[in-house]
Amino acid sequence: MANPHTARFWEVTSEKVEAAVRRIIEVSRPQQLILFGSYIRGETKVNSDLDILVVVPDDIKSPRQESVRIRRALRDILMPMDILVVPHGRWEQLKELPGTVYREAWMRGRIVYES
């Protein structure tokens, strides 16, 4: 069983979420940031993470490298995060595809930034 003091240390809080959103905007060129999952549904628990979809311009050569850059910039924000980076064109293809995390983000997520 997890130590309750350690679990609280890693807890997803609105302050950490706001800091993560600001930092992603600073280090990346997102077209959209979409939060989704348990945080948006108001169902976070001690072991919850923050689900973030980062829609980037199509000219980003490597979404994987962009994801690494974003993760490095967020390393001092102590909460578990799932960060999905997807080029805009691919996002348009995937967001309506049933059974995908992209559709979940599109249907139930919250856009917290749009350029």
PDB file of N, CA and C in Angstrom:
ATOM      1  N   MET A   1       0.838  -1.188   0.000  1.00  0.00           N
ATOM      2  CA  MET A   1       0.000   0.000   0.000  1.00  0.00           C
ATOM      3  C   MET A   1       0.882   1.251   0.000  1.00  0.00           C
ATOM      4  N   ALA A   2       0.481   2.227  -0.754  1.00  0.00           N
ATOM      5  CA  ALA A   2       1.257   3.466  -0.875  1.00  0.00           C
ATOM      6  C   ALA A   2       1.211   4.264   0.429  1.00  0.00           C
ATOM      7  N   ASN A   3       2.298   4.909   0.702  1.00  0.00           N
ATOM      8  CA  ASN A   3       2.383   5.793   1.853  1.00  0.00           C
ATOM      9  C   ASN A   3       1.477   6.998   1.592  1.00  0.00           C
ATOM     10  N   PRO A   4       0.523   7.298   2.485  1.00  0.00           N
ATOM     11  CA  PRO A   4      -0.396   8.413   2.234  1.00  0.00           C
ATOM     12  C   PRO A   4       0.297   9.766   2.121  1.00  0.00           C
ATOM     13  N   HIS A   5       1.404   9.934   2.821  1.00  0.00           N
ATOM     14  CA  HIS A   5       2.126  11.211   2.740  1.00  0.00           C
ATOM     15  C   HIS A   5       2.790  11.363   1.376  1.00  0.00           C
ATOM     16  N   THR A   6       3.367  10.281   0.866  1.00  0.00           N
ATOM     17  CA  THR A   6       3.985  10.301  -0.456  1.00  0.00           C
ATOM     18  C   THR A   6       2.929  10.495  -1.527  1.00  0.00           C
ATOM     19  N   ALA A   7       1.804   9.806  -1.395  1.00  0.00           N
ATOM     20  CA  ALA A   7       0.720   9.921  -2.379  1.00  0.00           C
ATOM     21  C   ALA A   7       0.231  11.361  -2.467  1.00  0.00           C
ATOM     22  N   ARG A   8       0.071  12.031  -1.347  1.00  0.00           N
ATOM     23  CA  ARG A   8      -0.375  13.428  -1.331  1.00  0.00           C
ATOM     24  C   ARG A   8       0.620  14.329  -2.048  1.00  0.00           C
ATOM     25  N   PHE A   9       1.900  14.008  -1.902  1.00  0.00           N
ATOM     26  CA  PHE A   9       2.969  14.767  -2.525  1.00  0.00           C
ATOM     27  C   PHE A   9       2.820  14.775  -4.042  1.00  0.00           C
ATOM     28  N   TRP A  10       2.366  13.661  -4.621  1.00  0.00           N
ATOM     29  CA  TRP A  10       2.211  13.491  -6.065  1.00  0.00           C
ATOM     30  C   TRP A  10       0.800  13.789  -6.555  1.00  0.00           C
ATOM     31  N   GLU A  11      -0.064  14.215  -5.694  1.00  0.00           N
ATOM     32  CA  GLU A  11      -1.473  14.423  -6.010  1.00  0.00           C
ATOM     33  C   GLU A  11      -1.680  15.458  -7.126  1.00  0.00           C
ATOM     34  N   VAL A  12      -2.680  15.201  -7.962  1.00  0.00           N
ATOM     35  CA  VAL A  12      -3.069  16.141  -9.017  1.00  0.00           C
ATOM     36  C   VAL A  12      -3.898  17.242  -8.362  1.00  0.00           C
ATOM     37  N   THR A  13      -3.405  18.476  -8.428  1.00  0.00           N
ATOM     38  CA  THR A  13      -4.114  19.618  -7.848  1.00  0.00           C
ATOM     39  C   THR A  13      -4.328  20.678  -8.924  1.00  0.00           C
ATOM     40  N   SER A  14      -5.285  21.551  -8.695  1.00  0.00           N
ATOM     41  CA  SER A  14      -5.554  22.602  -9.688  1.00  0.00           C
ATOM     42  C   SER A  14      -4.341  23.519  -9.865  1.00  0.00           C
ATOM     43  N   GLU A  15      -3.593  23.757  -8.806  1.00  0.00           N
ATOM     44  CA  GLU A  15      -2.396  24.602  -8.910  1.00  0.00           C
ATOM     45  C   GLU A  15      -1.353  23.957  -9.824  1.00  0.00           C
ATOM     46  N   LYS A  16      -1.137  22.661  -9.660  1.00  0.00           N
ATOM     47  CA  LYS A  16      -0.171  21.957 -10.506  1.00  0.00           C
ATOM     48  C   LYS A  16      -0.651  21.889 -11.948  1.00  0.00           C
ATOM     49  N   VAL A  17      -1.946  21.696 -12.127  1.00  0.00           N
ATOM     50  CA  VAL A  17      -2.510  21.645 -13.475  1.00  0.00           C
ATOM     51  C   VAL A  17      -2.302  22.981 -14.170  1.00  0.00           C
ATOM     52  N   GLU A  18      -2.606  24.070 -13.494  1.00  0.00           N
ATOM     53  CA  GLU A  18      -2.414  25.404 -14.079  1.00  0.00           C
ATOM     54  C   GLU A  18      -0.946  25.644 -14.420  1.00  0.00           C
ATOM     55  N   ALA A  19      -0.058  25.218 -13.549  1.00  0.00           N
ATOM     56  CA  ALA A  19       1.378  25.387 -13.801  1.00  0.00           C
ATOM     57  C   ALA A  19       1.807  24.569 -15.017  1.00  0.00           C
ATOM     58  N   ALA A  20       1.295  23.358 -15.150  1.00  0.00           N
ATOM     59  CA  ALA A  20       1.640  22.502 -16.289  1.00  0.00           C
ATOM     60  C   ALA A  20       1.141  23.120 -17.592  1.00  0.00           C
ATOM     61  N   VAL A  21      -0.077  23.616 -17.589  1.00  0.00           N
ATOM     62  CA  VAL A  21      -0.639  24.247 -18.790  1.00  0.00           C
ATOM     63  C   VAL A  21       0.210  25.452 -19.193  1.00  0.00           C
ATOM     64  N   ARG A  22       0.528  26.308 -18.245  1.00  0.00           N
ATOM     65  CA  ARG A  22       1.358  27.487 -18.541  1.00  0.00           C
ATOM     66  C   ARG A  22       2.709  27.071 -19.127  1.00  0.00           C
ATOM     67  N   ARG A  23       3.319  26.065 -18.521  1.00  0.00           N
ATOM     68  CA  ARG A  23       4.641  25.628 -18.965  1.00  0.00           C
ATOM     69  C   ARG A  23       4.594  25.049 -20.378  1.00  0.00           C
ATOM     70  N   ILE A  24       3.575  24.263 -20.685  1.00  0.00           N
ATOM     71  CA  ILE A  24       3.458  23.702 -22.040  1.00  0.00           C
ATOM     72  C   ILE A  24       3.317  24.820 -23.064  1.00  0.00           C
ATOM     73  N   ILE A  25       2.530  25.825 -22.749  1.00  0.00           N
ATOM     74  CA  ILE A  25       2.353  26.962 -23.660  1.00  0.00           C
ATOM     75  C   ILE A  25       3.682  27.684 -23.864  1.00  0.00           C
ATOM     76  N   GLU A  26       4.484  27.794 -22.810  1.00  0.00           N
ATOM     77  CA  GLU A  26       5.772  28.475 -22.893  1.00  0.00           C
ATOM     78  C   GLU A  26       6.783  27.714 -23.750  1.00  0.00           C
ATOM     79  N   VAL A  27       6.820  26.389 -23.634  1.00  0.00           N
ATOM     80  CA  VAL A  27       7.893  25.619 -24.276  1.00  0.00           C
ATOM     81  C   VAL A  27       7.508  25.024 -25.623  1.00  0.00           C
ATOM     82  N   SER A  28       6.242  24.975 -25.908  1.00  0.00           N
ATOM     83  CA  SER A  28       5.790  24.357 -27.153  1.00  0.00           C
ATOM     84  C   SER A  28       5.002  25.396 -27.962  1.00  0.00           C
ATOM     85  N   ARG A  29       4.566  25.000 -29.123  1.00  0.00           N
ATOM     86  CA  ARG A  29       3.718  25.863 -29.941  1.00  0.00           C
ATOM     87  C   ARG A  29       2.371  25.176 -30.133  1.00  0.00           C
ATOM     88  N   PRO A  30       1.660  24.920 -29.051  1.00  0.00           N
ATOM     89  CA  PRO A  30       0.413  24.162 -29.214  1.00  0.00           C
ATOM     90  C   PRO A  30      -0.654  24.981 -29.937  1.00  0.00           C
ATOM     91  N   GLN A  31      -1.440  24.285 -30.726  1.00  0.00           N
ATOM     92  CA  GLN A  31      -2.628  24.901 -31.293  1.00  0.00           C
ATOM     93  C   GLN A  31      -3.782  24.734 -30.312  1.00  0.00           C
ATOM     94  N   GLN A  32      -3.762  23.613 -29.611  1.00  0.00           N
ATOM     95  CA  GLN A  32      -4.766  23.355 -28.578  1.00  0.00           C
ATOM     96  C   GLN A  32      -4.146  22.532 -27.466  1.00  0.00           C
ATOM     97  N   LEU A  33      -4.621  22.777 -26.261  1.00  0.00           N
ATOM     98  CA  LEU A  33      -4.345  21.911 -25.120  1.00  0.00           C
ATOM     99  C   LEU A  33      -5.694  21.449 -24.611  1.00  0.00           C
ATOM    100  N   ILE A  34      -5.844  20.136 -24.482  1.00  0.00           N
ATOM    101  CA  ILE A  34      -7.107  19.567 -24.028  1.00  0.00           C
ATOM    102  C   ILE A  34      -6.831  18.685 -22.829  1.00  0.00           C
ATOM    103  N   LEU A  35      -7.494  18.985 -21.730  1.00  0.00           N
ATOM    104  CA  LEU A  35      -7.430  18.122 -20.553  1.00  0.00           C
ATOM    105  C   LEU A  35      -8.612  17.171 -20.622  1.00  0.00           C
ATOM    106  N   PHE A  36      -8.383  15.924 -20.244  1.00  0.00           N
ATOM    107  CA  PHE A  36      -9.463  14.955 -20.265  1.00  0.00           C
ATOM    108  C   PHE A  36      -9.206  13.903 -19.188  1.00  0.00           C
ATOM    109  N   GLY A  37     -10.117  12.974 -19.051  1.00  0.00           N
ATOM    110  CA  GLY A  37      -9.934  11.911 -18.076  1.00  0.00           C
ATOM    111  C   GLY A  37     -10.518  12.255 -16.721  1.00  0.00           C
ATOM    112  N   SER A  38     -10.014  11.572 -15.702  1.00  0.00           N
ATOM    113  CA  SER A  38     -10.596  11.659 -14.354  1.00  0.00           C
ATOM    114  C   SER A  38     -10.559  13.075 -13.784  1.00  0.00           C
ATOM    115  N   TYR A  39      -9.531  13.862 -14.102  1.00  0.00           N
ATOM    116  CA  TYR A  39      -9.458  15.227 -13.564  1.00  0.00           C
ATOM    117  C   TYR A  39     -10.642  16.053 -14.055  1.00  0.00           C
ATOM    118  N   ILE A  40     -10.933  15.972 -15.333  1.00  0.00           N
ATOM    119  CA  ILE A  40     -12.037  16.741 -15.909  1.00  0.00           C
ATOM    120  C   ILE A  40     -13.385  16.213 -15.419  1.00  0.00           C
ATOM    121  N   ARG A  41     -13.478  14.915 -15.222  1.00  0.00           N
ATOM    122  CA  ARG A  41     -14.734  14.334 -14.723  1.00  0.00           C
ATOM    123  C   ARG A  41     -14.927  14.587 -13.227  1.00  0.00           C
ATOM    124  N   GLY A  42     -13.907  15.113 -12.562  1.00  0.00           N
ATOM    125  CA  GLY A  42     -13.997  15.351 -11.123  1.00  0.00           C
ATOM    126  C   GLY A  42     -13.912  14.069 -10.322  1.00  0.00           C
ATOM    127  N   GLU A  43     -13.194  13.085 -10.862  1.00  0.00           N
ATOM    128  CA  GLU A  43     -13.106  11.769 -10.222  1.00  0.00           C
ATOM    129  C   GLU A  43     -11.678  11.393  -9.837  1.00  0.00           C
ATOM    130  N   THR A  44     -10.844  12.379  -9.565  1.00  0.00           N
ATOM    131  CA  THR A  44      -9.467  12.050  -9.221  1.00  0.00           C
ATOM    132  C   THR A  44      -9.397  11.353  -7.874  1.00  0.00           C
ATOM    133  N   LYS A  45      -8.466  10.433  -7.815  1.00  0.00           N
ATOM    134  CA  LYS A  45      -8.173   9.703  -6.580  1.00  0.00           C
ATOM    135  C   LYS A  45      -6.691   9.906  -6.280  1.00  0.00           C
ATOM    136  N   VAL A  46      -6.230   9.325  -5.220  1.00  0.00           N
ATOM    137  CA  VAL A  46      -4.837   9.499  -4.807  1.00  0.00           C
ATOM    138  C   VAL A  46      -3.866   9.064  -5.907  1.00  0.00           C
ATOM    139  N   ASN A  47      -4.211   8.025  -6.644  1.00  0.00           N
ATOM    140  CA  ASN A  47      -3.287   7.515  -7.660  1.00  0.00           C
ATOM    141  C   ASN A  47      -3.636   7.978  -9.078  1.00  0.00           C
ATOM    142  N   SER A  48      -4.437   9.019  -9.209  1.00  0.00           N
ATOM    143  CA  SER A  48      -4.823   9.540 -10.527  1.00  0.00           C
ATOM    144  C   SER A  48      -3.673  10.283 -11.194  1.00  0.00           C
ATOM    145  N   ASP A  49      -3.778  10.378 -12.513  1.00  0.00           N
ATOM    146  CA  ASP A  49      -2.830  11.196 -13.272  1.00  0.00           C
ATOM    147  C   ASP A  49      -3.606  12.256 -14.030  1.00  0.00           C
ATOM    148  N   LEU A  50      -2.885  13.153 -14.662  1.00  0.00           N
ATOM    149  CA  LEU A  50      -3.493  14.189 -15.482  1.00  0.00           C
ATOM    150  C   LEU A  50      -3.297  13.805 -16.937  1.00  0.00           C
ATOM    151  N   ASP A  51      -4.382  13.745 -17.692  1.00  0.00           N
ATOM    152  CA  ASP A  51      -4.333  13.422 -19.111  1.00  0.00           C
ATOM    153  C   ASP A  51      -4.368  14.718 -19.910  1.00  0.00           C
ATOM    154  N   ILE A  52      -3.337  14.916 -20.741  1.00  0.00           N
ATOM    155  CA  ILE A  52      -3.204  16.140 -21.531  1.00  0.00           C
ATOM    156  C   ILE A  52      -2.990  15.766 -22.988  1.00  0.00           C
ATOM    157  N   LEU A  53      -3.800  16.336 -23.852  1.00  0.00           N
ATOM    158  CA  LEU A  53      -3.607  16.187 -25.286  1.00  0.00           C
ATOM    159  C   LEU A  53      -3.082  17.509 -25.819  1.00  0.00           C
ATOM    160  N   VAL A  54      -1.940  17.462 -26.478  1.00  0.00           N
ATOM    161  CA  VAL A  54      -1.309  18.652 -27.034  1.00  0.00           C
ATOM    162  C   VAL A  54      -1.392  18.553 -28.555  1.00  0.00           C
ATOM    163  N   VAL A  55      -2.202  19.399 -29.154  1.00  0.00           N
ATOM    164  CA  VAL A  55      -2.323  19.436 -30.612  1.00  0.00           C
ATOM    165  C   VAL A  55      -1.318  20.468 -31.119  1.00  0.00           C
ATOM    166  N   VAL A  56      -0.383  19.992 -31.943  1.00  0.00           N
ATOM    167  CA  VAL A  56       0.696  20.847 -32.442  1.00  0.00           C
ATOM    168  C   VAL A  56       0.531  21.074 -33.942  1.00  0.00           C
ATOM    169  N   PRO A  57       1.194  22.109 -34.469  1.00  0.00           N
ATOM    170  CA  PRO A  57       1.132  22.343 -35.915  1.00  0.00           C
ATOM    171  C   PRO A  57       1.678  21.136 -36.690  1.00  0.00           C
ATOM    172  N   ASP A  58       1.209  20.981 -37.894  1.00  0.00           N
ATOM    173  CA  ASP A  58       1.646  19.859 -38.731  1.00  0.00           C
ATOM    174  C   ASP A  58       3.126  19.926 -39.089  1.00  0.00           C
ATOM    175  N   ASP A  59       3.748  21.097 -38.970  1.00  0.00           N
ATOM    176  CA  ASP A  59       5.161  21.196 -39.326  1.00  0.00           C
ATOM    177  C   ASP A  59       6.106  20.704 -38.220  1.00  0.00           C
ATOM    178  N   ILE A  60       5.566  20.277 -37.097  1.00  0.00           N
ATOM    179  CA  ILE A  60       6.411  19.659 -36.060  1.00  0.00           C
ATOM    180  C   ILE A  60       6.910  18.341 -36.634  1.00  0.00           C
ATOM    181  N   LYS A  61       8.212  18.214 -36.771  1.00  0.00           N
ATOM    182  CA  LYS A  61       8.796  17.050 -37.441  1.00  0.00           C
ATOM    183  C   LYS A  61       8.591  15.748 -36.665  1.00  0.00           C
ATOM    184  N   SER A  62       8.728  15.801 -35.356  1.00  0.00           N
ATOM    185  CA  SER A  62       8.628  14.581 -34.559  1.00  0.00           C
ATOM    186  C   SER A  62       7.780  14.835 -33.308  1.00  0.00           C
ATOM    187  N   PRO A  63       6.535  14.365 -33.337  1.00  0.00           N
ATOM    188  CA  PRO A  63       5.707  14.496 -32.133  1.00  0.00           C
ATOM    189  C   PRO A  63       6.355  13.840 -30.912  1.00  0.00           C
ATOM    190  N   ARG A  64       7.080  12.753 -31.129  1.00  0.00           N
ATOM    191  CA  ARG A  64       7.750  12.066 -30.019  1.00  0.00           C
ATOM    192  C   ARG A  64       8.809  12.966 -29.386  1.00  0.00           C
ATOM    193  N   GLN A  65       9.618  13.626 -30.207  1.00  0.00           N
ATOM    194  CA  GLN A  65      10.633  14.533 -29.661  1.00  0.00           C
ATOM    195  C   GLN A  65       9.985  15.725 -28.969  1.00  0.00           C
ATOM    196  N   GLU A  66       8.875  16.203 -29.512  1.00  0.00           N
ATOM    197  CA  GLU A  66       8.149  17.309 -28.877  1.00  0.00           C
ATOM    198  C   GLU A  66       7.620  16.862 -27.508  1.00  0.00           C
ATOM    199  N   SER A  67       7.142  15.640 -27.433  1.00  0.00           N
ATOM    200  CA  SER A  67       6.674  15.091 -26.164  1.00  0.00           C
ATOM    201  C   SER A  67       7.804  15.035 -25.134  1.00  0.00           C
ATOM    202  N   VAL A  68       8.972  14.622 -25.577  1.00  0.00           N
ATOM    203  CA  VAL A  68      10.133  14.572 -24.681  1.00  0.00           C
ATOM    204  C   VAL A  68      10.489  15.975 -24.192  1.00  0.00           C
ATOM    205  N   ARG A  69      10.478  16.946 -25.098  1.00  0.00           N
ATOM    206  CA  ARG A  69      10.765  18.341 -24.707  1.00  0.00           C
ATOM    207  C   ARG A  69       9.772  18.830 -23.655  1.00  0.00           C
ATOM    208  N   ILE A  70       8.505  18.544 -23.882  1.00  0.00           N
ATOM    209  CA  ILE A  70       7.466  18.972 -22.939  1.00  0.00           C
ATOM    210  C   ILE A  70       7.656  18.285 -21.592  1.00  0.00           C
ATOM    211  N   ARG A  71       7.891  16.990 -21.610  1.00  0.00           N
ATOM    212  CA  ARG A  71       8.082  16.248 -20.354  1.00  0.00           C
ATOM    213  C   ARG A  71       9.272  16.777 -19.555  1.00  0.00           C
ATOM    214  N   ARG A  72      10.343  17.101 -20.245  1.00  0.00           N
ATOM    215  CA  ARG A  72      11.515  17.663 -19.560  1.00  0.00           C
ATOM    216  C   ARG A  72      11.178  18.999 -18.915  1.00  0.00           C
ATOM    217  N   ALA A  73      10.382  19.799 -19.593  1.00  0.00           N
ATOM    218  CA  ALA A  73      10.001  21.109 -19.058  1.00  0.00           C
ATOM    219  C   ALA A  73       9.077  20.979 -17.849  1.00  0.00           C
ATOM    220  N   LEU A  74       8.396  19.853 -17.740  1.00  0.00           N
ATOM    221  CA  LEU A  74       7.437  19.651 -16.648  1.00  0.00           C
ATOM    222  C   LEU A  74       8.003  18.824 -15.499  1.00  0.00           C
ATOM    223  N   ARG A  75       9.261  18.439 -15.578  1.00  0.00           N
ATOM    224  CA  ARG A  75       9.799  17.480 -14.605  1.00  0.00           C
ATOM    225  C   ARG A  75       9.755  17.965 -13.155  1.00  0.00           C
ATOM    226  N   ASP A  76       9.698  19.270 -12.931  1.00  0.00           N
ATOM    227  CA  ASP A  76       9.648  19.760 -11.550  1.00  0.00           C
ATOM    228  C   ASP A  76       8.217  19.914 -11.029  1.00  0.00           C
ATOM    229  N   ILE A  77       7.225  19.631 -11.861  1.00  0.00           N
ATOM    230  CA  ILE A  77       5.830  19.650 -11.417  1.00  0.00           C
ATOM    231  C   ILE A  77       5.487  18.219 -11.024  1.00  0.00           C
ATOM    232  N   LEU A  78       5.413  17.989  -9.734  1.00  0.00           N
ATOM    233  CA  LEU A  78       5.340  16.631  -9.217  1.00  0.00           C
ATOM    234  C   LEU A  78       3.921  16.087  -9.190  1.00  0.00           C
ATOM    235  N   MET A  79       3.509  15.586 -10.337  1.00  0.00           N
ATOM    236  CA  MET A  79       2.248  14.855 -10.439  1.00  0.00           C
ATOM    237  C   MET A  79       2.359  13.965 -11.671  1.00  0.00           C
ATOM    238  N   PRO A  80       1.731  12.800 -11.627  1.00  0.00           N
ATOM    239  CA  PRO A  80       1.773  11.929 -12.797  1.00  0.00           C
ATOM    240  C   PRO A  80       0.952  12.523 -13.939  1.00  0.00           C
ATOM    241  N   MET A  81       1.531  12.461 -15.143  1.00  0.00           N
ATOM    242  CA  MET A  81       0.862  13.025 -16.315  1.00  0.00           C
ATOM    243  C   MET A  81       1.013  12.085 -17.498  1.00  0.00           C
ATOM    244  N   ASP A  82      -0.062  11.928 -18.251  1.00  0.00           N
ATOM    245  CA  ASP A  82      -0.020  11.286 -19.556  1.00  0.00           C
ATOM    246  C   ASP A  82      -0.143  12.405 -20.572  1.00  0.00           C
ATOM    247  N   ILE A  83       0.885  12.557 -21.392  1.00  0.00           N
ATOM    248  CA  ILE A  83       0.917  13.644 -22.362  1.00  0.00           C
ATOM    249  C   ILE A  83       0.932  13.039 -23.755  1.00  0.00           C
ATOM    250  N   LEU A  84      -0.088  13.356 -24.514  1.00  0.00           N
ATOM    251  CA  LEU A  84      -0.187  12.905 -25.898  1.00  0.00           C
ATOM    252  C   LEU A  84       0.038  14.106 -26.799  1.00  0.00           C
ATOM    253  N   VAL A  85       0.999  13.989 -27.699  1.00  0.00           N
ATOM    254  CA  VAL A  85       1.284  15.054 -28.653  1.00  0.00           C
ATOM    255  C   VAL A  85       0.864  14.548 -30.028  1.00  0.00           C
ATOM    256  N   VAL A  86       0.013  15.302 -30.688  1.00  0.00           N
ATOM    257  CA  VAL A  86      -0.494  14.883 -31.998  1.00  0.00           C
ATOM    258  C   VAL A  86      -0.533  16.084 -32.944  1.00  0.00           C
ATOM    259  N   PRO A  87      -0.020  15.898 -34.171  1.00  0.00           N
ATOM    260  CA  PRO A  87      -0.121  16.979 -35.164  1.00  0.00           C
ATOM    261  C   PRO A  87      -1.587  17.253 -35.508  1.00  0.00           C
ATOM    262  N   HIS A  88      -1.874  18.498 -35.846  1.00  0.00           N
ATOM    263  CA  HIS A  88      -3.239  18.938 -36.099  1.00  0.00           C
ATOM    264  C   HIS A  88      -3.967  18.065 -37.132  1.00  0.00           C
ATOM    265  N   GLY A  89      -3.321  17.783 -38.251  1.00  0.00           N
ATOM    266  CA  GLY A  89      -3.953  16.972 -39.293  1.00  0.00           C
ATOM    267  C   GLY A  89      -4.313  15.576 -38.802  1.00  0.00           C
ATOM    268  N   ARG A  90      -3.426  14.994 -38.050  1.00  0.00           N
ATOM    269  CA  ARG A  90      -3.675  13.654 -37.485  1.00  0.00           C
ATOM    270  C   ARG A  90      -4.807  13.727 -36.464  1.00  0.00           C
ATOM    271  N   TRP A  91      -4.826  14.783 -35.664  1.00  0.00           N
ATOM    272  CA  TRP A  91      -5.900  14.996 -34.688  1.00  0.00           C
ATOM    273  C   TRP A  91      -7.247  15.026 -35.394  1.00  0.00           C
ATOM    274  N   GLU A  92      -7.330  15.747 -36.504  1.00  0.00           N
ATOM    275  CA  GLU A  92      -8.581  15.829 -37.251  1.00  0.00           C
ATOM    276  C   GLU A  92      -9.025  14.457 -37.747  1.00  0.00           C
ATOM    277  N   GLN A  93      -8.064  13.595 -38.062  1.00  0.00           N
ATOM    278  CA  GLN A  93      -8.389  12.234 -38.517  1.00  0.00           C
ATOM    279  C   GLN A  93      -8.844  11.334 -37.364  1.00  0.00           C
ATOM    280  N   LEU A  94      -8.229  11.500 -36.218  1.00  0.00           N
ATOM    281  CA  LEU A  94      -8.431  10.555 -35.119  1.00  0.00           C
ATOM    282  C   LEU A  94      -9.545  10.917 -34.141  1.00  0.00           C
ATOM    283  N   LYS A  95      -9.898  12.185 -34.050  1.00  0.00           N
ATOM    284  CA  LYS A  95     -10.780  12.614 -32.961  1.00  0.00           C
ATOM    285  C   LYS A  95     -12.180  12.011 -33.008  1.00  0.00           C
ATOM    286  N   GLU A  96     -12.624  11.574 -34.157  1.00  0.00           N
ATOM    287  CA  GLU A  96     -13.956  10.986 -34.254  1.00  0.00           C
ATOM    288  C   GLU A  96     -13.913   9.461 -34.335  1.00  0.00           C
ATOM    289  N   LEU A  97     -12.733   8.883 -34.206  1.00  0.00           N
ATOM    290  CA  LEU A  97     -12.580   7.436 -34.310  1.00  0.00           C
ATOM    291  C   LEU A  97     -13.030   6.766 -33.010  1.00  0.00           C
ATOM    292  N   PRO A  98     -14.123   5.998 -33.065  1.00  0.00           N
ATOM    293  CA  PRO A  98     -14.651   5.369 -31.846  1.00  0.00           C
ATOM    294  C   PRO A  98     -13.613   4.478 -31.159  1.00  0.00           C
ATOM    295  N   GLY A  99     -13.691   4.453 -29.841  1.00  0.00           N
ATOM    296  CA  GLY A  99     -12.834   3.574 -29.055  1.00  0.00           C
ATOM    297  C   GLY A  99     -11.413   4.057 -28.861  1.00  0.00           C
ATOM    298  N   THR A 100     -11.140   5.317 -29.195  1.00  0.00           N
ATOM    299  CA  THR A 100      -9.784   5.830 -29.028  1.00  0.00           C
ATOM    300  C   THR A 100      -9.738   6.889 -27.936  1.00  0.00           C
ATOM    301  N   VAL A 101      -8.568   7.073 -27.400  1.00  0.00           N
ATOM    302  CA  VAL A 101      -8.358   8.114 -26.401  1.00  0.00           C
ATOM    303  C   VAL A 101      -8.585   9.490 -27.026  1.00  0.00           C
ATOM    304  N   TYR A 102      -8.345   9.608 -28.316  1.00  0.00           N
ATOM    305  CA  TYR A 102      -8.550  10.883 -29.009  1.00  0.00           C
ATOM    306  C   TYR A 102     -10.030  11.273 -29.018  1.00  0.00           C
ATOM    307  N   ARG A 103     -10.886  10.294 -29.260  1.00  0.00           N
ATOM    308  CA  ARG A 103     -12.326  10.577 -29.232  1.00  0.00           C
ATOM    309  C   ARG A 103     -12.764  10.953 -27.809  1.00  0.00           C
ATOM    310  N   GLU A 104     -12.222  10.255 -26.815  1.00  0.00           N
ATOM    311  CA  GLU A 104     -12.511  10.581 -25.414  1.00  0.00           C
ATOM    312  C   GLU A 104     -12.153  12.042 -25.130  1.00  0.00           C
ATOM    313  N   ALA A 105     -10.976  12.462 -25.591  1.00  0.00           N
ATOM    314  CA  ALA A 105     -10.541  13.848 -25.376  1.00  0.00           C
ATOM    315  C   ALA A 105     -11.454  14.823 -26.109  1.00  0.00           C
ATOM    316  N   TRP A 106     -11.831  14.472 -27.329  1.00  0.00           N
ATOM    317  CA  TRP A 106     -12.669  15.360 -28.138  1.00  0.00           C
ATOM    318  C   TRP A 106     -14.079  15.465 -27.567  1.00  0.00           C
ATOM    319  N   MET A 107     -14.647  14.340 -27.156  1.00  0.00           N
ATOM    320  CA  MET A 107     -16.040  14.324 -26.699  1.00  0.00           C
ATOM    321  C   MET A 107     -16.203  14.818 -25.256  1.00  0.00           C
ATOM    322  N   ARG A 108     -15.240  14.484 -24.400  1.00  0.00           N
ATOM    323  CA  ARG A 108     -15.421  14.761 -22.969  1.00  0.00           C
ATOM    324  C   ARG A 108     -14.348  15.660 -22.364  1.00  0.00           C
ATOM    325  N   GLY A 109     -13.385  16.041 -23.195  1.00  0.00           N
ATOM    326  CA  GLY A 109     -12.298  16.861 -22.681  1.00  0.00           C
ATOM    327  C   GLY A 109     -12.663  18.333 -22.585  1.00  0.00           C
ATOM    328  N   ARG A 110     -11.752  19.090 -22.024  1.00  0.00           N
ATOM    329  CA  ARG A 110     -11.923  20.535 -21.890  1.00  0.00           C
ATOM    330  C   ARG A 110     -10.745  21.239 -22.551  1.00  0.00           C
ATOM    331  N   ILE A 111     -11.041  22.070 -23.527  1.00  0.00           N
ATOM    332  CA  ILE A 111      -9.983  22.855 -24.174  1.00  0.00           C
ATOM    333  C   ILE A 111      -9.580  23.963 -23.197  1.00  0.00           C
ATOM    334  N   VAL A 112      -8.309  23.948 -22.794  1.00  0.00           N
ATOM    335  CA  VAL A 112      -7.831  24.955 -21.842  1.00  0.00           C
ATOM    336  C   VAL A 112      -6.928  25.985 -22.521  1.00  0.00           C
ATOM    337  N   TYR A 113      -6.584  25.722 -23.788  1.00  0.00           N
ATOM    338  CA  TYR A 113      -5.797  26.687 -24.554  1.00  0.00           C
ATOM    339  C   TYR A 113      -6.071  26.444 -26.027  1.00  0.00           C
ATOM    340  N   GLU A 114      -6.172  27.543 -26.763  1.00  0.00           N
ATOM    341  CA  GLU A 114      -6.341  27.452 -28.209  1.00  0.00           C
ATOM    342  C   GLU A 114      -5.695  28.679 -28.834  1.00  0.00           C
ATOM    343  N   SER A 115      -4.868  28.430 -29.864  1.00  0.00           N
ATOM    344  CA  SER A 115      -4.209  29.573 -30.519  1.00  0.00           C
ATOM    345  C   SER A 115      -4.911  29.921 -31.813  1.00  0.00           C
TER     346      SER A 115
END
